[in-house]
Amino acid sequence: MHESGLIQALLRTALAEAERRGAELVGIEVRLGVLAGGSPEHLREHFELELARLGREPIALNITADPDHPGGVEIVGVKLRDR
């Protein structure tokens, strides 16, 4: 269940940034640090399930696992398309 809440927060943050810029969100780049607590595959699975639950078009998810980073899951970039 932790992953679902994490993905929901990640999507809310990225979608809010796209809205702030008047653009469409087409991709999110995240970094998984040592505190992430899950694999990139597991995170991707939850991401795709959340997109389906929301009825959203596909959004690319680029995940970089960085076990030397002392953090958890963080957004490092968003890919936007003009509306």
N, C-alpha and C. Protein backbone atom coordinates (compact mmCIF):
# COMPACT_ATOMS: atom_id res chain seq x y z
N MET A 1 0.81 -1.19 0.00
CA MET A 1 0.00 0.00 0.00
C MET A 1 0.86 1.26 0.00
N HIS A 2 2.03 1.18 0.59
CA HIS A 2 2.94 2.32 0.63
C HIS A 2 3.23 2.84 -0.77
N GLU A 3 3.45 1.93 -1.72
CA GLU A 3 3.79 2.32 -3.08
C GLU A 3 2.64 3.09 -3.74
N SER A 4 1.41 2.69 -3.48
CA SER A 4 0.27 3.38 -4.07
C SER A 4 0.22 4.84 -3.64
N GLY A 5 0.39 5.08 -2.35
CA GLY A 5 0.41 6.45 -1.84
C GLY A 5 1.57 7.24 -2.40
N LEU A 6 2.70 6.60 -2.52
CA LEU A 6 3.89 7.24 -3.08
C LEU A 6 3.66 7.63 -4.54
N ILE A 7 3.10 6.73 -5.31
CA ILE A 7 2.82 7.01 -6.72
C ILE A 7 1.78 8.10 -6.86
N GLN A 8 0.75 8.08 -6.03
CA GLN A 8 -0.27 9.12 -6.08
C GLN A 8 0.34 10.49 -5.81
N ALA A 9 1.22 10.58 -4.81
CA ALA A 9 1.88 11.84 -4.50
C ALA A 9 2.80 12.27 -5.64
N LEU A 10 3.52 11.32 -6.21
CA LEU A 10 4.42 11.62 -7.32
C LEU A 10 3.63 12.18 -8.51
N LEU A 11 2.53 11.54 -8.85
CA LEU A 11 1.71 12.00 -9.97
C LEU A 11 1.08 13.36 -9.68
N ARG A 12 0.59 13.56 -8.46
CA ARG A 12 0.01 14.86 -8.10
C ARG A 12 1.03 15.97 -8.28
N THR A 13 2.25 15.74 -7.82
CA THR A 13 3.31 16.74 -7.92
C THR A 13 3.65 17.05 -9.38
N ALA A 14 3.84 16.01 -10.18
CA ALA A 14 4.20 16.19 -11.59
C ALA A 14 3.06 16.83 -12.39
N LEU A 15 1.83 16.40 -12.12
CA LEU A 15 0.68 16.98 -12.83
C LEU A 15 0.48 18.44 -12.44
N ALA A 16 0.71 18.78 -11.18
CA ALA A 16 0.60 20.17 -10.74
C ALA A 16 1.64 21.04 -11.43
N GLU A 17 2.83 20.52 -11.60
CA GLU A 17 3.88 21.29 -12.29
C GLU A 17 3.50 21.50 -13.75
N ALA A 18 2.97 20.47 -14.39
CA ALA A 18 2.54 20.62 -15.79
C ALA A 18 1.43 21.67 -15.89
N GLU A 19 0.49 21.61 -14.97
CA GLU A 19 -0.61 22.59 -14.96
C GLU A 19 -0.08 24.01 -14.74
N ARG A 20 0.85 24.14 -13.81
CA ARG A 20 1.45 25.45 -13.53
C ARG A 20 2.10 26.05 -14.78
N ARG A 21 2.66 25.17 -15.59
CA ARG A 21 3.33 25.63 -16.81
C ARG A 21 2.40 25.65 -18.03
N GLY A 22 1.14 25.28 -17.83
CA GLY A 22 0.18 25.27 -18.93
C GLY A 22 0.51 24.24 -20.00
N ALA A 23 1.01 23.09 -19.55
CA ALA A 23 1.47 22.05 -20.48
C ALA A 23 0.84 20.71 -20.11
N GLU A 24 1.08 19.73 -20.97
CA GLU A 24 0.63 18.36 -20.74
C GLU A 24 1.82 17.53 -20.26
N LEU A 25 1.60 16.76 -19.22
CA LEU A 25 2.65 15.89 -18.70
C LEU A 25 2.76 14.66 -19.58
N VAL A 26 3.95 14.40 -20.11
CA VAL A 26 4.15 13.21 -20.95
C VAL A 26 5.22 12.28 -20.38
N GLY A 27 5.98 12.74 -19.39
CA GLY A 27 7.01 11.89 -18.81
C GLY A 27 7.49 12.38 -17.46
N ILE A 28 7.91 11.45 -16.64
CA ILE A 28 8.45 11.74 -15.32
C ILE A 28 9.76 10.97 -15.18
N GLU A 29 10.78 11.64 -14.66
CA GLU A 29 12.05 10.99 -14.38
C GLU A 29 12.24 10.98 -12.87
N VAL A 30 12.45 9.79 -12.32
CA VAL A 30 12.64 9.66 -10.88
C VAL A 30 13.95 8.95 -10.56
N ARG A 31 14.44 9.22 -9.35
CA ARG A 31 15.64 8.56 -8.85
C ARG A 31 15.24 7.79 -7.60
N LEU A 32 15.66 6.54 -7.54
CA LEU A 32 15.42 5.71 -6.37
C LEU A 32 16.70 5.61 -5.56
N GLY A 33 16.66 6.16 -4.37
CA GLY A 33 17.80 6.06 -3.48
C GLY A 33 17.71 4.84 -2.59
N VAL A 34 18.63 4.75 -1.67
CA VAL A 34 18.72 3.59 -0.79
C VAL A 34 17.47 3.44 0.08
N LEU A 35 16.75 4.53 0.36
CA LEU A 35 15.57 4.47 1.21
C LEU A 35 14.28 4.24 0.44
N ALA A 36 14.37 3.99 -0.86
CA ALA A 36 13.17 3.82 -1.68
C ALA A 36 12.35 2.61 -1.26
N GLY A 37 13.00 1.56 -0.83
CA GLY A 37 12.29 0.41 -0.31
C GLY A 37 11.63 -0.48 -1.35
N GLY A 38 11.98 -0.34 -2.61
CA GLY A 38 11.39 -1.19 -3.64
C GLY A 38 12.21 -1.14 -4.91
N SER A 39 11.90 -2.04 -5.80
CA SER A 39 12.63 -2.12 -7.06
C SER A 39 12.01 -1.20 -8.10
N PRO A 40 12.76 -0.84 -9.13
CA PRO A 40 12.19 -0.05 -10.22
C PRO A 40 10.99 -0.75 -10.87
N GLU A 41 11.05 -2.06 -11.01
CA GLU A 41 9.95 -2.80 -11.62
C GLU A 41 8.68 -2.72 -10.79
N HIS A 42 8.83 -2.82 -9.49
CA HIS A 42 7.69 -2.75 -8.58
C HIS A 42 7.06 -1.35 -8.63
N LEU A 43 7.89 -0.33 -8.64
CA LEU A 43 7.40 1.04 -8.72
C LEU A 43 6.67 1.27 -10.04
N ARG A 44 7.24 0.78 -11.12
CA ARG A 44 6.62 0.93 -12.45
C ARG A 44 5.25 0.25 -12.49
N GLU A 45 5.15 -0.93 -11.90
CA GLU A 45 3.88 -1.65 -11.87
C GLU A 45 2.81 -0.81 -11.16
N HIS A 46 3.15 -0.25 -10.03
CA HIS A 46 2.19 0.59 -9.30
C HIS A 46 1.86 1.86 -10.08
N PHE A 47 2.83 2.41 -10.77
CA PHE A 47 2.61 3.61 -11.59
C PHE A 47 1.59 3.32 -12.68
N GLU A 48 1.78 2.22 -13.38
CA GLU A 48 0.86 1.85 -14.46
C GLU A 48 -0.55 1.55 -13.93
N LEU A 49 -0.63 0.91 -12.78
CA LEU A 49 -1.93 0.65 -12.17
C LEU A 49 -2.63 1.95 -11.80
N GLU A 50 -1.89 2.91 -11.28
CA GLU A 50 -2.48 4.20 -10.90
C GLU A 50 -2.95 4.98 -12.12
N LEU A 51 -2.18 4.95 -13.20
CA LEU A 51 -2.61 5.61 -14.43
C LEU A 51 -3.92 5.00 -14.94
N ALA A 52 -4.01 3.67 -14.89
CA ALA A 52 -5.23 2.99 -15.33
C ALA A 52 -6.39 3.35 -14.42
N ARG A 53 -6.15 3.39 -13.12
CA ARG A 53 -7.20 3.73 -12.16
C ARG A 53 -7.74 5.13 -12.42
N LEU A 54 -6.86 6.04 -12.79
CA LEU A 54 -7.25 7.42 -13.06
C LEU A 54 -7.81 7.61 -14.47
N GLY A 55 -7.67 6.58 -15.32
CA GLY A 55 -8.13 6.70 -16.70
C GLY A 55 -7.27 7.66 -17.51
N ARG A 56 -6.00 7.75 -17.18
CA ARG A 56 -5.07 8.68 -17.83
C ARG A 56 -4.39 8.00 -19.01
N GLU A 57 -4.04 8.84 -19.97
CA GLU A 57 -3.22 8.38 -21.08
C GLU A 57 -1.86 7.95 -20.52
N PRO A 58 -1.14 7.12 -21.24
CA PRO A 58 0.19 6.71 -20.76
C PRO A 58 1.11 7.92 -20.54
N ILE A 59 1.88 7.84 -19.49
CA ILE A 59 2.92 8.82 -19.16
C ILE A 59 4.20 8.02 -19.00
N ALA A 60 5.24 8.43 -19.70
CA ALA A 60 6.51 7.71 -19.60
C ALA A 60 7.09 7.85 -18.20
N LEU A 61 7.69 6.79 -17.70
CA LEU A 61 8.34 6.81 -16.40
C LEU A 61 9.76 6.31 -16.57
N ASN A 62 10.71 7.20 -16.36
CA ASN A 62 12.13 6.85 -16.45
C ASN A 62 12.65 6.74 -15.02
N ILE A 63 13.11 5.56 -14.64
CA ILE A 63 13.57 5.30 -13.27
C ILE A 63 15.06 5.02 -13.28
N THR A 64 15.78 5.75 -12.43
CA THR A 64 17.20 5.50 -12.24
C THR A 64 17.41 5.03 -10.80
N ALA A 65 17.90 3.82 -10.64
CA ALA A 65 18.22 3.31 -9.31
C ALA A 65 19.61 3.81 -8.93
N ASP A 66 19.69 4.49 -7.79
CA ASP A 66 20.96 5.06 -7.32
C ASP A 66 21.16 4.66 -5.86
N PRO A 67 21.68 3.44 -5.62
CA PRO A 67 21.83 2.95 -4.25
C PRO A 67 22.80 3.77 -3.40
N ASP A 68 23.57 4.65 -4.02
CA ASP A 68 24.48 5.50 -3.25
C ASP A 68 23.80 6.79 -2.78
N HIS A 69 22.62 7.07 -3.32
CA HIS A 69 21.88 8.28 -2.92
C HIS A 69 21.17 8.00 -1.60
N PRO A 70 21.35 8.86 -0.59
CA PRO A 70 20.78 8.59 0.74
C PRO A 70 19.28 8.83 0.85
N GLY A 71 18.62 9.23 -0.22
CA GLY A 71 17.18 9.53 -0.16
C GLY A 71 16.33 8.35 -0.58
N GLY A 72 15.04 8.65 -0.79
CA GLY A 72 14.09 7.65 -1.22
C GLY A 72 13.77 7.80 -2.69
N VAL A 73 12.50 8.09 -3.00
CA VAL A 73 12.06 8.30 -4.37
C VAL A 73 11.91 9.79 -4.58
N GLU A 74 12.55 10.31 -5.62
CA GLU A 74 12.43 11.75 -5.88
C GLU A 74 12.29 12.02 -7.37
N ILE A 75 11.48 13.01 -7.68
CA ILE A 75 11.35 13.45 -9.07
C ILE A 75 12.56 14.30 -9.40
N VAL A 76 13.22 13.94 -10.49
CA VAL A 76 14.37 14.73 -10.92
C VAL A 76 14.09 15.48 -12.23
N GLY A 77 12.95 15.18 -12.85
CA GLY A 77 12.59 15.89 -14.07
C GLY A 77 11.21 15.50 -14.55
N VAL A 78 10.63 16.38 -15.33
CA VAL A 78 9.35 16.10 -15.99
C VAL A 78 9.49 16.46 -17.45
N LYS A 79 8.81 15.71 -18.29
CA LYS A 79 8.78 16.00 -19.72
C LYS A 79 7.39 16.52 -20.03
N LEU A 80 7.33 17.71 -20.63
CA LEU A 80 6.07 18.37 -20.89
C LEU A 80 5.90 18.61 -22.38
N ARG A 81 4.64 18.71 -22.79
CA ARG A 81 4.32 19.03 -24.18
C ARG A 81 3.33 20.19 -24.14
N ASP A 82 3.57 21.16 -25.02
CA ASP A 82 2.65 22.30 -25.10
C ASP A 82 1.25 21.81 -25.45
N ARG A 83 0.28 22.46 -24.86
CA ARG A 83 -1.11 22.10 -25.15
C ARG A 83 -1.57 22.77 -26.42
